[in-house]
Amino acid sequence: MESTETAALGRICFIGLGVMGFPMAGHLANNGHQVTVYNRNVEKSERWLKTHTGKFIRKLRDAAQCDVIISCVGDDNDLRSIYLGEEGLINQLRKGSLIIDHTTASASVAKELFETAQERNIGFLDAPVSGGQQGAENGALTIMCGGEEKDFARAQALFKHYSRAATLMGHAGSGQLTKMANQIAIAGLVQGLAEALHFAEQADLDPLQVVNVISKGAAQSWQMDNRHKTMIAGDYEHGFAVDLMRKDLSICLREASNNKARLPITALVDQFYAEVQSMGGGRWDTSSLLARLKR
């Protein structure tokens, strides 16, 4: 039986069943929401339905029958193809609908989608997430949002099912800008951790013992706690792919060029990731920066 809350939110269509979207849509279905899923690869939609209650659509335009659209796709081009133009969802959705976009994309496309949606009296939030596949599966993501307060308040009832924190950062695009700051910080942290482990090994120290000690002090980080063991083992077949990190860092560097921010370390780490790609590590976890040092 539907709760008053789920009934008020209406039908939800989740677009994009990648490593993040698949479990996020699942959390919504598991908490009683009416969820329809769409993925370009229909096999993923069929696989999702084997373990969750809901339905899937084969044609994107059918998503317009829903009241809330949530997307978690690849990049700016994907978003424009989904939402803009005569056949785009913004032109097909009913007035009063809400779009929540969890894609990591540019601030400019977020503003473009927000403005187009506003013209149709449709709410839009740019709401990129942090926490990776593990956070999505555990319902413990961090969500950073840009948009209007009324739309954020409405979305909170959904966010609570797959996040531990959700914050409205400001106007449209602010969520994406905050995600850029997040990726800039991570890039430097992972490189620092890779160098620390490499140094420990070269100094004939036990790297596990080193981490056990320094993780109790100022050097501690999520990356250290969650990635040091796999890094030491040389296991990178998991986590957030280098290819995706390079996509994110390219967004950061383009935005920095626009706002005159100086990001020398970020630019350097981006090139280090390019080297990892040349080693065949495009799908490796971002912690594979250590592999580059150990060549």
C-alpha atoms as a PDB file:
ATOM      1  CA  MET A   1       0.000   0.000   0.000  1.00  0.00           C
ATOM      2  CA  GLU A   2       1.308   3.433  -0.960  1.00  0.00           C
ATOM      3  CA  SER A   3       2.183   5.912   1.743  1.00  0.00           C
ATOM      4  CA  THR A   4       0.915   9.473   1.515  1.00  0.00           C
ATOM      5  CA  GLU A   5       4.480  10.567   0.705  1.00  0.00           C
ATOM      6  CA  THR A   6       5.028   8.169  -2.206  1.00  0.00           C
ATOM      7  CA  ALA A   7       1.566   8.924  -3.606  1.00  0.00           C
ATOM      8  CA  ALA A   8       2.278  12.673  -3.510  1.00  0.00           C
ATOM      9  CA  LEU A   9       5.504  12.250  -5.462  1.00  0.00           C
ATOM     10  CA  GLY A  10       3.748  10.182  -8.116  1.00  0.00           C
ATOM     11  CA  ARG A  11       5.386   8.016 -10.734  1.00  0.00           C
ATOM     12  CA  ILE A  12       9.162   8.072 -11.063  1.00  0.00           C
ATOM     13  CA  CYS A  13      11.225   7.238 -14.120  1.00  0.00           C
ATOM     14  CA  PHE A  14      14.902   6.493 -13.504  1.00  0.00           C
ATOM     15  CA  ILE A  15      17.056   6.919 -16.615  1.00  0.00           C
ATOM     16  CA  GLY A  16      20.455   5.209 -16.636  1.00  0.00           C
ATOM     17  CA  LEU A  17      21.142   1.890 -14.916  1.00  0.00           C
ATOM     18  CA  GLY A  18      24.909   1.993 -14.627  1.00  0.00           C
ATOM     19  CA  VAL A  19      26.842   1.032 -11.507  1.00  0.00           C
ATOM     20  CA  MET A  20      25.299   4.025  -9.722  1.00  0.00           C
ATOM     21  CA  GLY A  21      21.805   4.214 -11.185  1.00  0.00           C
ATOM     22  CA  PHE A  22      20.997   0.515 -10.838  1.00  0.00           C
ATOM     23  CA  PRO A  23      21.143   0.452  -7.015  1.00  0.00           C
ATOM     24  CA  MET A  24      19.768   3.999  -6.635  1.00  0.00           C
ATOM     25  CA  ALA A  25      16.623   3.071  -8.573  1.00  0.00           C
ATOM     26  CA  GLY A  26      16.461  -0.093  -6.484  1.00  0.00           C
ATOM     27  CA  HIS A  27      16.404   1.836  -3.211  1.00  0.00           C
ATOM     28  CA  LEU A  28      13.430   3.849  -4.458  1.00  0.00           C
ATOM     29  CA  ALA A  29      11.507   0.738  -5.492  1.00  0.00           C
ATOM     30  CA  ASN A  30      12.360  -1.032  -2.243  1.00  0.00           C
ATOM     31  CA  ASN A  31      10.862   1.893  -0.321  1.00  0.00           C
ATOM     32  CA  GLY A  32       7.498   1.731  -2.003  1.00  0.00           C
ATOM     33  CA  HIS A  33       7.857   4.201  -4.870  1.00  0.00           C
ATOM     34  CA  GLN A  34       6.355   3.564  -8.294  1.00  0.00           C
ATOM     35  CA  VAL A  35       9.520   3.215 -10.365  1.00  0.00           C
ATOM     36  CA  THR A  36       9.854   2.833 -14.108  1.00  0.00           C
ATOM     37  CA  VAL A  37      13.378   2.380 -15.476  1.00  0.00           C
ATOM     38  CA  TYR A  38      14.936   3.164 -18.835  1.00  0.00           C
ATOM     39  CA  ASN A  39      18.335   2.167 -20.147  1.00  0.00           C
ATOM     40  CA  ARG A  40      19.635   2.197 -23.705  1.00  0.00           C
ATOM     41  CA  ASN A  41      20.735  -1.403 -23.134  1.00  0.00           C
ATOM     42  CA  VAL A  42      17.399  -3.119 -22.492  1.00  0.00           C
ATOM     43  CA  GLU A  43      19.132  -6.117 -20.908  1.00  0.00           C
ATOM     44  CA  LYS A  44      20.048  -3.947 -17.904  1.00  0.00           C
ATOM     45  CA  SER A  45      16.410  -2.939 -17.464  1.00  0.00           C
ATOM     46  CA  GLU A  46      15.347  -6.581 -17.623  1.00  0.00           C
ATOM     47  CA  ARG A  47      18.019  -7.534 -15.093  1.00  0.00           C
ATOM     48  CA  TRP A  48      16.858  -4.744 -12.747  1.00  0.00           C
ATOM     49  CA  LEU A  49      13.284  -6.063 -12.913  1.00  0.00           C
ATOM     50  CA  LYS A  50      14.389  -9.510 -11.816  1.00  0.00           C
ATOM     51  CA  THR A  51      15.210  -8.173  -8.363  1.00  0.00           C
ATOM     52  CA  HIS A  52      12.916  -5.142  -8.010  1.00  0.00           C
ATOM     53  CA  THR A  53       9.251  -4.273  -8.322  1.00  0.00           C
ATOM     54  CA  GLY A  54       8.451  -1.845 -11.127  1.00  0.00           C
ATOM     55  CA  LYS A  55       8.485  -1.758 -14.900  1.00  0.00           C
ATOM     56  CA  PHE A  56      10.709  -0.672 -17.756  1.00  0.00           C
ATOM     57  CA  ILE A  57      10.159   1.255 -20.962  1.00  0.00           C
ATOM     58  CA  ARG A  58      11.842   0.694 -24.312  1.00  0.00           C
ATOM     59  CA  LYS A  59      11.185   4.170 -25.715  1.00  0.00           C
ATOM     60  CA  LEU A  60      12.481   7.212 -23.874  1.00  0.00           C
ATOM     61  CA  ARG A  61       9.499   9.340 -24.818  1.00  0.00           C
ATOM     62  CA  ASP A  62       7.297   7.118 -22.652  1.00  0.00           C
ATOM     63  CA  ALA A  63       9.075   8.562 -19.612  1.00  0.00           C
ATOM     64  CA  ALA A  64       6.980  11.693 -20.122  1.00  0.00           C
ATOM     65  CA  GLN A  65       4.066   9.876 -18.485  1.00  0.00           C
ATOM     66  CA  CYS A  66       5.876  10.057 -15.160  1.00  0.00           C
ATOM     67  CA  ASP A  67       5.840  12.887 -12.610  1.00  0.00           C
ATOM     68  CA  VAL A  68       9.515  12.786 -11.577  1.00  0.00           C
ATOM     69  CA  ILE A  69      12.429  12.053 -13.895  1.00  0.00           C
ATOM     70  CA  ILE A  70      15.760  11.054 -12.366  1.00  0.00           C
ATOM     71  CA  SER A  71      18.780  10.685 -14.635  1.00  0.00           C
ATOM     72  CA  CYS A  72      22.271   9.347 -14.056  1.00  0.00           C
ATOM     73  CA  VAL A  73      23.966   9.133 -17.442  1.00  0.00           C
ATOM     74  CA  GLY A  74      27.314   9.818 -19.098  1.00  0.00           C
ATOM     75  CA  ASP A  75      27.907  13.445 -20.023  1.00  0.00           C
ATOM     76  CA  ASP A  76      26.580  16.741 -21.392  1.00  0.00           C
ATOM     77  CA  ASN A  77      25.752  15.253 -24.784  1.00  0.00           C
ATOM     78  CA  ASP A  78      23.669  12.494 -23.206  1.00  0.00           C
ATOM     79  CA  LEU A  79      21.733  15.060 -21.193  1.00  0.00           C
ATOM     80  CA  ARG A  80      21.022  17.259 -24.187  1.00  0.00           C
ATOM     81  CA  SER A  81      19.815  14.296 -26.227  1.00  0.00           C
ATOM     82  CA  ILE A  82      17.492  13.186 -23.408  1.00  0.00           C
ATOM     83  CA  TYR A  83      16.012  16.514 -22.416  1.00  0.00           C
ATOM     84  CA  LEU A  84      16.328  19.113 -25.196  1.00  0.00           C
ATOM     85  CA  GLY A  85      14.818  19.650 -28.606  1.00  0.00           C
ATOM     86  CA  GLU A  86      11.368  18.983 -29.982  1.00  0.00           C
ATOM     87  CA  GLU A  87      11.535  15.317 -28.976  1.00  0.00           C
ATOM     88  CA  GLY A  88      13.323  15.975 -25.679  1.00  0.00           C
ATOM     89  CA  LEU A  89      11.620  15.130 -22.415  1.00  0.00           C
ATOM     90  CA  ILE A  90      11.368  18.733 -21.232  1.00  0.00           C
ATOM     91  CA  ASN A  91       9.093  19.431 -24.180  1.00  0.00           C
ATOM     92  CA  GLN A  92       7.017  16.327 -23.407  1.00  0.00           C
ATOM     93  CA  LEU A  93       6.647  16.440 -19.629  1.00  0.00           C
ATOM     94  CA  ARG A  94       3.606  17.874 -17.907  1.00  0.00           C
ATOM     95  CA  LYS A  95       3.827  21.204 -16.117  1.00  0.00           C
ATOM     96  CA  GLY A  96       4.734  20.740 -12.482  1.00  0.00           C
ATOM     97  CA  SER A  97       6.966  17.757 -13.176  1.00  0.00           C
ATOM     98  CA  LEU A  98      10.386  17.532 -11.553  1.00  0.00           C
ATOM     99  CA  ILE A  99      13.734  16.549 -13.094  1.00  0.00           C
ATOM    100  CA  ILE A 100      16.599  15.442 -10.841  1.00  0.00           C
ATOM    101  CA  ASP A 101      19.889  14.922 -12.641  1.00  0.00           C
ATOM    102  CA  HIS A 102      22.611  12.944 -10.858  1.00  0.00           C
ATOM    103  CA  THR A 103      25.009  12.985 -13.811  1.00  0.00           C
ATOM    104  CA  THR A 104      28.438  14.540 -13.283  1.00  0.00           C
ATOM    105  CA  ALA A 105      28.387  17.141 -16.039  1.00  0.00           C
ATOM    106  CA  SER A 106      29.251  20.778 -16.709  1.00  0.00           C
ATOM    107  CA  ALA A 107      27.683  23.683 -14.851  1.00  0.00           C
ATOM    108  CA  SER A 108      26.777  25.212 -18.214  1.00  0.00           C
ATOM    109  CA  VAL A 109      24.590  22.287 -19.265  1.00  0.00           C
ATOM    110  CA  ALA A 110      22.934  22.320 -15.826  1.00  0.00           C
ATOM    111  CA  LYS A 111      22.028  25.988 -16.297  1.00  0.00           C
ATOM    112  CA  GLU A 112      20.821  25.324 -19.838  1.00  0.00           C
ATOM    113  CA  LEU A 113      18.521  22.517 -18.696  1.00  0.00           C
ATOM    114  CA  PHE A 114      17.274  24.531 -15.722  1.00  0.00           C
ATOM    115  CA  GLU A 115      16.374  27.532 -17.885  1.00  0.00           C
ATOM    116  CA  THR A 116      14.649  25.375 -20.504  1.00  0.00           C
ATOM    117  CA  ALA A 117      12.704  23.532 -17.820  1.00  0.00           C
ATOM    118  CA  GLN A 118      11.678  26.813 -16.167  1.00  0.00           C
ATOM    119  CA  GLU A 119      10.095  27.965 -19.419  1.00  0.00           C
ATOM    120  CA  ARG A 120       7.815  24.926 -19.238  1.00  0.00           C
ATOM    121  CA  ASN A 121       7.095  25.281 -15.490  1.00  0.00           C
ATOM    122  CA  ILE A 122       9.107  22.149 -14.769  1.00  0.00           C
ATOM    123  CA  GLY A 123      11.472  21.880 -11.814  1.00  0.00           C
ATOM    124  CA  PHE A 124      15.120  20.984 -12.380  1.00  0.00           C
ATOM    125  CA  LEU A 125      17.915  20.124  -9.932  1.00  0.00           C
ATOM    126  CA  ASP A 126      21.512  19.393 -10.879  1.00  0.00           C
ATOM    127  CA  ALA A 127      22.405  16.879  -8.186  1.00  0.00           C
ATOM    128  CA  PRO A 128      25.704  15.067  -8.778  1.00  0.00           C
ATOM    129  CA  VAL A 129      26.720  12.522  -6.179  1.00  0.00           C
ATOM    130  CA  SER A 130      29.838  11.363  -4.377  1.00  0.00           C
ATOM    131  CA  GLY A 131      30.447   8.031  -2.711  1.00  0.00           C
ATOM    132  CA  GLY A 132      30.955   5.732  -5.673  1.00  0.00           C
ATOM    133  CA  GLN A 133      29.381   2.371  -6.355  1.00  0.00           C
ATOM    134  CA  GLN A 134      29.755   1.342  -2.720  1.00  0.00           C
ATOM    135  CA  GLY A 135      27.880   4.442  -1.567  1.00  0.00           C
ATOM    136  CA  ALA A 136      25.120   3.847  -4.107  1.00  0.00           C
ATOM    137  CA  GLU A 137      24.688   0.222  -3.084  1.00  0.00           C
ATOM    138  CA  ASN A 138      24.661   1.102   0.621  1.00  0.00           C
ATOM    139  CA  GLY A 139      22.316   4.074   0.216  1.00  0.00           C
ATOM    140  CA  ALA A 140      25.007   6.356   1.627  1.00  0.00           C
ATOM    141  CA  LEU A 141      25.760   8.852  -1.139  1.00  0.00           C
ATOM    142  CA  THR A 142      26.462  12.542  -0.665  1.00  0.00           C
ATOM    143  CA  ILE A 143      24.359  14.729  -2.952  1.00  0.00           C
ATOM    144  CA  MET A 144      25.239  18.317  -3.871  1.00  0.00           C
ATOM    145  CA  CYS A 145      22.435  20.271  -5.522  1.00  0.00           C
ATOM    146  CA  GLY A 146      21.818  23.368  -7.566  1.00  0.00           C
ATOM    147  CA  GLY A 147      18.355  24.797  -8.196  1.00  0.00           C
ATOM    148  CA  GLU A 148      15.373  26.189  -6.330  1.00  0.00           C
ATOM    149  CA  GLU A 149      14.464  25.554  -2.716  1.00  0.00           C
ATOM    150  CA  LYS A 150      10.951  24.281  -3.516  1.00  0.00           C
ATOM    151  CA  ASP A 151      12.292  21.633  -5.878  1.00  0.00           C
ATOM    152  CA  PHE A 152      14.990  20.599  -3.424  1.00  0.00           C
ATOM    153  CA  ALA A 153      12.386  20.237  -0.665  1.00  0.00           C
ATOM    154  CA  ARG A 154      10.325  17.976  -2.909  1.00  0.00           C
ATOM    155  CA  ALA A 155      13.365  15.879  -3.851  1.00  0.00           C
ATOM    156  CA  GLN A 156      14.414  15.328  -0.231  1.00  0.00           C
ATOM    157  CA  ALA A 157      11.778  12.621   0.134  1.00  0.00           C
ATOM    158  CA  LEU A 158      13.604  10.654  -2.574  1.00  0.00           C
ATOM    159  CA  PHE A 159      17.176  11.489  -1.627  1.00  0.00           C
ATOM    160  CA  LYS A 160      16.762  10.006   1.837  1.00  0.00           C
ATOM    161  CA  HIS A 161      16.505   6.521   0.354  1.00  0.00           C
ATOM    162  CA  TYR A 162      19.973   6.505  -1.219  1.00  0.00           C
ATOM    163  CA  SER A 163      21.992   9.233   0.502  1.00  0.00           C
ATOM    164  CA  ARG A 164      23.370  10.095   3.897  1.00  0.00           C
ATOM    165  CA  ALA A 165      23.548  13.815   3.111  1.00  0.00           C
ATOM    166  CA  ALA A 166      21.972  16.133   0.552  1.00  0.00           C
ATOM    167  CA  THR A 167      22.635  19.874   0.449  1.00  0.00           C
ATOM    168  CA  LEU A 168      21.301  22.679  -1.706  1.00  0.00           C
ATOM    169  CA  MET A 169      24.429  24.637  -2.641  1.00  0.00           C
ATOM    170  CA  GLY A 170      22.783  27.519  -4.502  1.00  0.00           C
ATOM    171  CA  HIS A 171      21.444  28.416  -7.933  1.00  0.00           C
ATOM    172  CA  ALA A 172      21.393  26.085 -10.942  1.00  0.00           C
ATOM    173  CA  GLY A 173      24.877  24.740 -11.679  1.00  0.00           C
ATOM    174  CA  SER A 174      26.025  25.000  -8.056  1.00  0.00           C
ATOM    175  CA  GLY A 175      25.744  21.257  -7.567  1.00  0.00           C
ATOM    176  CA  GLN A 176      28.040  20.611 -10.513  1.00  0.00           C
ATOM    177  CA  LEU A 177      30.532  23.230  -9.336  1.00  0.00           C
ATOM    178  CA  THR A 178      30.633  21.598  -5.902  1.00  0.00           C
ATOM    179  CA  LYS A 179      31.206  18.191  -7.493  1.00  0.00           C
ATOM    180  CA  MET A 180      34.154  19.707  -9.373  1.00  0.00           C
ATOM    181  CA  ALA A 181      35.669  20.823  -6.062  1.00  0.00           C
ATOM    182  CA  ASN A 182      35.133  17.276  -4.797  1.00  0.00           C
ATOM    183  CA  GLN A 183      36.980  15.718  -7.744  1.00  0.00           C
ATOM    184  CA  ILE A 184      39.815  18.252  -7.500  1.00  0.00           C
ATOM    185  CA  ALA A 185      40.330  17.302  -3.848  1.00  0.00           C
ATOM    186  CA  ILE A 186      40.203  13.569  -4.585  1.00  0.00           C
ATOM    187  CA  ALA A 187      42.744  13.802  -7.407  1.00  0.00           C
ATOM    188  CA  GLY A 188      45.366  15.308  -5.105  1.00  0.00           C
ATOM    189  CA  LEU A 189      44.557  12.916  -2.252  1.00  0.00           C
ATOM    190  CA  VAL A 190      44.915   9.791  -4.394  1.00  0.00           C
ATOM    191  CA  GLN A 191      48.222  10.956  -5.865  1.00  0.00           C
ATOM    192  CA  GLY A 192      49.530  11.734  -2.382  1.00  0.00           C
ATOM    193  CA  LEU A 193      48.475   8.307  -1.115  1.00  0.00           C
ATOM    194  CA  ALA A 194      50.078   6.591  -4.121  1.00  0.00           C
ATOM    195  CA  GLU A 195      53.355   8.409  -3.504  1.00  0.00           C
ATOM    196  CA  ALA A 196      53.289   7.624   0.226  1.00  0.00           C
ATOM    197  CA  LEU A 197      52.804   3.906  -0.409  1.00  0.00           C
ATOM    198  CA  HIS A 198      55.447   3.886  -3.128  1.00  0.00           C
ATOM    199  CA  PHE A 199      57.885   5.656  -0.824  1.00  0.00           C
ATOM    200  CA  ALA A 200      57.191   3.204   2.018  1.00  0.00           C
ATOM    201  CA  GLU A 201      57.863   0.229  -0.236  1.00  0.00           C
ATOM    202  CA  GLN A 202      61.063   1.758  -1.614  1.00  0.00           C
ATOM    203  CA  ALA A 203      62.221   2.397   1.968  1.00  0.00           C
ATOM    204  CA  ASP A 204      61.683  -1.304   2.825  1.00  0.00           C
ATOM    205  CA  LEU A 205      58.890  -0.489   5.244  1.00  0.00           C
ATOM    206  CA  ASP A 206      55.772  -2.628   5.631  1.00  0.00           C
ATOM    207  CA  PRO A 207      53.185  -0.448   3.802  1.00  0.00           C
ATOM    208  CA  LEU A 208      50.284  -1.967   5.745  1.00  0.00           C
ATOM    209  CA  GLN A 209      51.962  -1.101   9.020  1.00  0.00           C
ATOM    210  CA  VAL A 210      52.739   2.394   7.734  1.00  0.00           C
ATOM    211  CA  VAL A 211      49.076   2.987   6.891  1.00  0.00           C
ATOM    212  CA  ASN A 212      47.995   1.536  10.235  1.00  0.00           C
ATOM    213  CA  VAL A 213      50.081   4.217  11.940  1.00  0.00           C
ATOM    214  CA  ILE A 214      49.589   7.290   9.747  1.00  0.00           C
ATOM    215  CA  SER A 215      45.836   6.702   9.307  1.00  0.00           C
ATOM    216  CA  LYS A 216      45.450   7.553  12.980  1.00  0.00           C
ATOM    217  CA  GLY A 217      46.847  11.032  12.400  1.00  0.00           C
ATOM    218  CA  ALA A 218      46.436  13.977  10.070  1.00  0.00           C
ATOM    219  CA  ALA A 219      47.101  11.893   6.941  1.00  0.00           C
ATOM    220  CA  GLN A 220      43.859   9.942   7.342  1.00  0.00           C
ATOM    221  CA  SER A 221      41.339  10.077   4.472  1.00  0.00           C
ATOM    222  CA  TRP A 222      38.529   8.035   2.926  1.00  0.00           C
ATOM    223  CA  GLN A 223      40.898   7.021   0.160  1.00  0.00           C
ATOM    224  CA  MET A 224      43.465   5.771   2.664  1.00  0.00           C
ATOM    225  CA  ASP A 225      40.892   3.837   4.690  1.00  0.00           C
ATOM    226  CA  ASN A 226      39.152   2.244   1.706  1.00  0.00           C
ATOM    227  CA  ARG A 227      41.836   1.847  -0.955  1.00  0.00           C
ATOM    228  CA  HIS A 228      45.212   1.172   0.671  1.00  0.00           C
ATOM    229  CA  LYS A 229      44.839  -2.632   0.808  1.00  0.00           C
ATOM    230  CA  THR A 230      43.870  -3.010  -2.831  1.00  0.00           C
ATOM    231  CA  MET A 231      46.584  -0.562  -3.876  1.00  0.00           C
ATOM    232  CA  ILE A 232      49.235  -2.548  -2.038  1.00  0.00           C
ATOM    233  CA  ALA A 233      47.904  -5.741  -3.621  1.00  0.00           C
ATOM    234  CA  GLY A 234      47.913  -4.147  -7.078  1.00  0.00           C
ATOM    235  CA  ASP A 235      44.181  -4.811  -7.456  1.00  0.00           C
ATOM    236  CA  TYR A 236      42.435  -2.131  -9.505  1.00  0.00           C
ATOM    237  CA  GLU A 237      39.577  -4.063 -11.109  1.00  0.00           C
ATOM    238  CA  HIS A 238      36.901  -2.252  -9.110  1.00  0.00           C
ATOM    239  CA  GLY A 239      35.688   1.205  -8.104  1.00  0.00           C
ATOM    240  CA  PHE A 240      35.598   4.443 -10.080  1.00  0.00           C
ATOM    241  CA  ALA A 241      37.187   4.102 -13.514  1.00  0.00           C
ATOM    242  CA  VAL A 242      40.124   6.219 -14.647  1.00  0.00           C
ATOM    243  CA  ASP A 243      38.261   6.993 -17.895  1.00  0.00           C
ATOM    244  CA  LEU A 244      35.439   8.556 -15.879  1.00  0.00           C
ATOM    245  CA  MET A 245      37.836  10.456 -13.635  1.00  0.00           C
ATOM    246  CA  ARG A 246      39.509  11.968 -16.681  1.00  0.00           C
ATOM    247  CA  LYS A 247      36.098  13.022 -17.970  1.00  0.00           C
ATOM    248  CA  ASP A 248      35.400  14.701 -14.636  1.00  0.00           C
ATOM    249  CA  LEU A 249      38.803  16.397 -14.464  1.00  0.00           C
ATOM    250  CA  SER A 250      38.377  17.749 -17.988  1.00  0.00           C
ATOM    251  CA  ILE A 251      35.169  19.409 -16.799  1.00  0.00           C
ATOM    252  CA  CYS A 252      37.036  20.854 -13.804  1.00  0.00           C
ATOM    253  CA  LEU A 253      39.872  22.196 -15.937  1.00  0.00           C
ATOM    254  CA  ARG A 254      37.504  23.787 -18.474  1.00  0.00           C
ATOM    255  CA  GLU A 255      35.560  25.494 -15.690  1.00  0.00           C
ATOM    256  CA  ALA A 256      38.805  26.667 -14.097  1.00  0.00           C
ATOM    257  CA  SER A 257      39.771  28.219 -17.406  1.00  0.00           C
ATOM    258  CA  ASN A 258      36.477  30.136 -17.344  1.00  0.00           C
ATOM    259  CA  ASN A 259      36.641  31.336 -13.737  1.00  0.00           C
ATOM    260  CA  LYS A 260      40.443  31.865 -13.658  1.00  0.00           C
ATOM    261  CA  ALA A 261      41.059  29.323 -10.898  1.00  0.00           C
ATOM    262  CA  ARG A 262      44.596  27.937 -10.879  1.00  0.00           C
ATOM    263  CA  LEU A 263      44.737  24.145 -10.672  1.00  0.00           C
ATOM    264  CA  PRO A 264      48.342  23.065 -11.270  1.00  0.00           C
ATOM    265  CA  ILE A 265      48.130  19.825  -9.264  1.00  0.00           C
ATOM    266  CA  THR A 266      44.831  18.830 -10.859  1.00  0.00           C
ATOM    267  CA  ALA A 267      46.260  19.365 -14.336  1.00  0.00           C
ATOM    268  CA  LEU A 268      49.319  17.294 -13.430  1.00  0.00           C
ATOM    269  CA  VAL A 269      47.297  14.422 -11.975  1.00  0.00           C
ATOM    270  CA  ASP A 270      45.097  14.455 -15.070  1.00  0.00           C
ATOM    271  CA  GLN A 271      48.206  13.768 -17.144  1.00  0.00           C
ATOM    272  CA  PHE A 272      49.213  10.995 -14.740  1.00  0.00           C
ATOM    273  CA  TYR A 273      45.826   9.396 -15.368  1.00  0.00           C
ATOM    274  CA  ALA A 274      46.481   9.708 -19.101  1.00  0.00           C
ATOM    275  CA  GLU A 275      49.605   7.613 -18.518  1.00  0.00           C
ATOM    276  CA  VAL A 276      47.526   5.008 -16.676  1.00  0.00           C
ATOM    277  CA  GLN A 277      45.190   4.895 -19.667  1.00  0.00           C
ATOM    278  CA  SER A 278      48.180   4.283 -21.943  1.00  0.00           C
ATOM    279  CA  MET A 279      49.069   1.332 -19.695  1.00  0.00           C
ATOM    280  CA  GLY A 280      45.671  -0.194 -20.469  1.00  0.00           C
ATOM    281  CA  GLY A 281      44.139   0.990 -17.211  1.00  0.00           C
ATOM    282  CA  GLY A 282      41.212   3.035 -18.463  1.00  0.00           C
ATOM    283  CA  ARG A 283      38.754   0.878 -16.533  1.00  0.00           C
ATOM    284  CA  TRP A 284      40.967   0.552 -13.450  1.00  0.00           C
ATOM    285  CA  ASP A 285      40.019   2.289 -10.211  1.00  0.00           C
ATOM    286  CA  THR A 286      41.428   5.790  -9.739  1.00  0.00           C
ATOM    287  CA  SER A 287      43.761   4.449  -7.045  1.00  0.00           C
ATOM    288  CA  SER A 288      45.790   2.893  -9.891  1.00  0.00           C
ATOM    289  CA  LEU A 289      48.022   5.967  -9.833  1.00  0.00           C
ATOM    290  CA  LEU A 290      50.306   3.734  -7.770  1.00  0.00           C
ATOM    291  CA  ALA A 291      50.696   1.351 -10.729  1.00  0.00           C
ATOM    292  CA  ARG A 292      52.193   4.201 -12.742  1.00  0.00           C
ATOM    293  CA  LEU A 293      54.871   4.782 -10.075  1.00  0.00           C
ATOM    294  CA  LYS A 294      55.759   1.081  -9.887  1.00  0.00           C
ATOM    295  CA  ARG A 295      56.413   0.584 -13.615  1.00  0.00           C
END
